N, C-alpha and C. Protein backbone atom coordinates (compact mmCIF):
# COMPACT_ATOMS: atom_id res chain seq x y z
N MET A 1 17.26 130.70 31.35
CA MET A 1 17.52 132.06 30.96
C MET A 1 16.23 132.67 30.46
N SER A 2 15.82 133.76 31.06
CA SER A 2 14.57 134.42 30.69
C SER A 2 14.85 135.84 30.26
N SER A 3 14.15 136.27 29.23
CA SER A 3 14.26 137.65 28.78
C SER A 3 12.92 138.08 28.23
N GLU A 4 12.82 139.33 27.85
CA GLU A 4 11.57 139.84 27.29
C GLU A 4 11.22 139.10 26.00
N ILE A 5 12.22 138.57 25.32
CA ILE A 5 11.99 137.89 24.05
C ILE A 5 11.31 136.54 24.27
N ASP A 6 11.60 135.88 25.37
CA ASP A 6 11.02 134.58 25.64
C ASP A 6 9.59 134.71 26.14
N ILE A 7 8.68 134.08 25.40
CA ILE A 7 7.27 134.05 25.81
C ILE A 7 6.89 132.57 25.90
N PRO A 8 6.37 132.15 27.04
CA PRO A 8 5.93 130.76 27.14
C PRO A 8 4.90 130.43 26.06
N ALA A 9 4.94 129.20 25.57
CA ALA A 9 4.06 128.80 24.47
C ALA A 9 2.58 129.03 24.80
N ASP A 10 2.17 128.74 26.02
CA ASP A 10 0.76 128.94 26.36
C ASP A 10 0.38 130.41 26.36
N ARG A 11 1.30 131.26 26.77
CA ARG A 11 1.05 132.71 26.76
C ARG A 11 0.97 133.22 25.32
N LEU A 12 1.84 132.71 24.45
CA LEU A 12 1.83 133.10 23.05
C LEU A 12 0.51 132.68 22.39
N THR A 13 0.06 131.47 22.66
CA THR A 13 -1.20 131.03 22.05
C THR A 13 -2.39 131.81 22.60
N ASP A 14 -2.32 132.22 23.86
CA ASP A 14 -3.38 133.08 24.40
C ASP A 14 -3.39 134.44 23.70
N ALA A 15 -2.22 134.98 23.42
CA ALA A 15 -2.13 136.25 22.70
C ALA A 15 -2.62 136.10 21.26
N VAL A 16 -2.31 134.98 20.63
CA VAL A 16 -2.82 134.69 19.28
C VAL A 16 -4.33 134.67 19.29
N ASP A 17 -4.91 133.96 20.25
CA ASP A 17 -6.37 133.91 20.38
C ASP A 17 -6.95 135.31 20.58
N ALA A 18 -6.30 136.10 21.42
CA ALA A 18 -6.77 137.46 21.69
C ALA A 18 -6.74 138.32 20.42
N ILE A 19 -5.70 138.16 19.62
CA ILE A 19 -5.63 138.90 18.36
C ILE A 19 -6.80 138.52 17.46
N LEU A 20 -7.02 137.23 17.31
CA LEU A 20 -8.09 136.78 16.41
C LEU A 20 -9.47 137.21 16.91
N ILE A 21 -9.70 137.11 18.20
CA ILE A 21 -10.97 137.56 18.77
C ILE A 21 -11.12 139.07 18.58
N GLY A 22 -10.06 139.80 18.88
CA GLY A 22 -10.10 141.25 18.75
C GLY A 22 -10.35 141.71 17.33
N LEU A 23 -9.67 141.09 16.37
CA LEU A 23 -9.88 141.46 14.97
C LEU A 23 -11.30 141.13 14.53
N ASN A 24 -11.82 140.02 15.00
CA ASN A 24 -13.20 139.66 14.69
C ASN A 24 -14.18 140.69 15.26
N ASP A 25 -13.91 141.16 16.47
CA ASP A 25 -14.76 142.16 17.10
C ASP A 25 -14.73 143.49 16.35
N ILE A 26 -13.56 143.86 15.84
CA ILE A 26 -13.44 145.11 15.08
C ILE A 26 -14.23 145.02 13.78
N GLY A 27 -14.16 143.86 13.16
CA GLY A 27 -14.89 143.66 11.91
C GLY A 27 -14.01 143.85 10.69
N PRO A 28 -14.64 144.01 9.52
CA PRO A 28 -13.90 144.08 8.26
C PRO A 28 -12.85 145.19 8.19
N SER A 29 -13.05 146.27 8.90
CA SER A 29 -12.07 147.35 8.84
C SER A 29 -10.72 146.93 9.40
N ALA A 30 -10.69 145.88 10.20
CA ALA A 30 -9.44 145.39 10.79
C ALA A 30 -8.55 144.73 9.75
N ARG A 31 -9.12 144.31 8.65
CA ARG A 31 -8.32 143.62 7.63
C ARG A 31 -7.32 144.54 6.95
N ALA A 32 -7.53 145.83 7.05
CA ALA A 32 -6.65 146.79 6.39
C ALA A 32 -5.42 147.14 7.24
N ALA A 33 -5.41 146.73 8.49
CA ALA A 33 -4.30 147.10 9.37
C ALA A 33 -3.75 145.88 10.09
N LYS A 34 -2.48 145.94 10.39
CA LYS A 34 -1.84 144.90 11.20
C LYS A 34 -2.21 145.14 12.66
N PRO A 35 -2.29 144.08 13.46
CA PRO A 35 -2.57 144.28 14.89
C PRO A 35 -1.62 145.27 15.55
N SER A 36 -0.35 145.24 15.18
CA SER A 36 0.61 146.17 15.79
C SER A 36 0.30 147.62 15.42
N GLU A 37 -0.40 147.85 14.32
CA GLU A 37 -0.80 149.21 13.94
C GLU A 37 -2.03 149.66 14.72
N ILE A 38 -2.83 148.72 15.17
CA ILE A 38 -4.04 149.01 15.94
C ILE A 38 -3.70 149.18 17.42
N LEU A 39 -2.65 148.50 17.85
CA LEU A 39 -2.22 148.50 19.25
C LEU A 39 -1.99 149.93 19.74
N GLY A 40 -2.62 150.28 20.83
CA GLY A 40 -2.43 151.60 21.42
C GLY A 40 -3.32 152.68 20.83
N THR A 41 -4.19 152.32 19.90
CA THR A 41 -5.11 153.30 19.31
C THR A 41 -6.49 153.13 19.91
N ILE A 42 -7.38 154.00 19.54
CA ILE A 42 -8.76 153.92 20.03
C ILE A 42 -9.47 152.66 19.53
N LYS A 43 -8.99 152.10 18.42
CA LYS A 43 -9.59 150.88 17.87
C LYS A 43 -9.12 149.60 18.57
N GLN A 44 -8.11 149.71 19.42
CA GLN A 44 -7.57 148.52 20.08
C GLN A 44 -8.65 147.80 20.87
N PRO A 45 -8.85 146.51 20.61
CA PRO A 45 -9.82 145.73 21.39
C PRO A 45 -9.37 145.63 22.85
N SER A 46 -10.32 145.68 23.75
CA SER A 46 -9.99 145.63 25.18
C SER A 46 -9.33 144.31 25.57
N ILE A 47 -9.61 143.23 24.83
CA ILE A 47 -9.01 141.93 25.15
C ILE A 47 -7.48 141.98 25.05
N TRP A 48 -6.95 142.89 24.25
CA TRP A 48 -5.50 143.00 24.10
C TRP A 48 -4.85 143.63 25.33
N CYS A 49 -5.62 144.26 26.18
CA CYS A 49 -5.07 144.93 27.36
C CYS A 49 -4.47 143.94 28.36
N ASP A 50 -4.81 142.67 28.21
CA ASP A 50 -4.27 141.64 29.10
C ASP A 50 -2.87 141.20 28.70
N PHE A 51 -2.34 141.78 27.62
CA PHE A 51 -1.05 141.37 27.08
C PHE A 51 -0.15 142.58 26.89
N THR A 52 1.15 142.35 26.95
CA THR A 52 2.09 143.42 26.68
C THR A 52 2.14 143.67 25.17
N SER A 53 2.64 144.82 24.80
CA SER A 53 2.77 145.11 23.36
C SER A 53 3.74 144.11 22.72
N HIS A 54 4.75 143.69 23.47
CA HIS A 54 5.69 142.69 22.95
C HIS A 54 4.97 141.37 22.65
N GLU A 55 4.10 140.95 23.55
CA GLU A 55 3.37 139.70 23.35
C GLU A 55 2.44 139.79 22.13
N ILE A 56 1.78 140.92 21.97
CA ILE A 56 0.90 141.09 20.81
C ILE A 56 1.72 141.09 19.52
N ARG A 57 2.85 141.75 19.52
CA ARG A 57 3.70 141.78 18.31
C ARG A 57 4.25 140.39 17.97
N GLU A 58 4.64 139.65 19.00
CA GLU A 58 5.13 138.29 18.75
C GLU A 58 4.02 137.37 18.25
N ALA A 59 2.83 137.52 18.81
CA ALA A 59 1.69 136.74 18.33
C ALA A 59 1.35 137.11 16.89
N GLU A 60 1.44 138.38 16.57
CA GLU A 60 1.23 138.85 15.20
C GLU A 60 2.24 138.19 14.25
N ARG A 61 3.49 138.19 14.65
CA ARG A 61 4.53 137.55 13.83
C ARG A 61 4.24 136.07 13.63
N PHE A 62 3.79 135.40 14.67
CA PHE A 62 3.43 133.99 14.59
C PHE A 62 2.30 133.80 13.57
N LEU A 63 1.27 134.64 13.64
CA LEU A 63 0.15 134.53 12.71
C LEU A 63 0.59 134.79 11.27
N PHE A 64 1.50 135.72 11.07
CA PHE A 64 2.04 135.97 9.72
C PHE A 64 2.78 134.74 9.20
N ARG A 65 3.62 134.16 10.06
CA ARG A 65 4.40 132.99 9.67
C ARG A 65 3.50 131.80 9.33
N CYS A 66 2.38 131.70 10.02
CA CYS A 66 1.43 130.61 9.75
C CYS A 66 0.52 130.89 8.57
N GLY A 67 0.60 132.09 8.03
CA GLY A 67 -0.26 132.46 6.90
C GLY A 67 -1.68 132.80 7.31
N LEU A 68 -1.90 133.05 8.60
CA LEU A 68 -3.25 133.35 9.08
C LEU A 68 -3.58 134.83 9.06
N LEU A 69 -2.56 135.66 8.84
CA LEU A 69 -2.76 137.10 8.64
C LEU A 69 -2.03 137.48 7.36
N PRO A 70 -2.64 138.32 6.54
CA PRO A 70 -1.94 138.78 5.33
C PRO A 70 -0.81 139.73 5.67
N LEU A 71 0.23 139.70 4.88
CA LEU A 71 1.36 140.61 5.11
C LEU A 71 1.04 141.97 4.64
């Protein structure tokens, strides 16, 4: 059974990597915003364009759960 909610583990980890790389590229100003708040704005890193907004949001949630992004 497949749906938009299901993301393969390798795809999720690729999106996690893309978030971390993108936030690093943005620099310190990225610490004030969640990736989902940057998504679709002029500040969005180009590396995120390889992923759907759903994948980026799910990767963001994963990073929050792991304590790798502040709430």
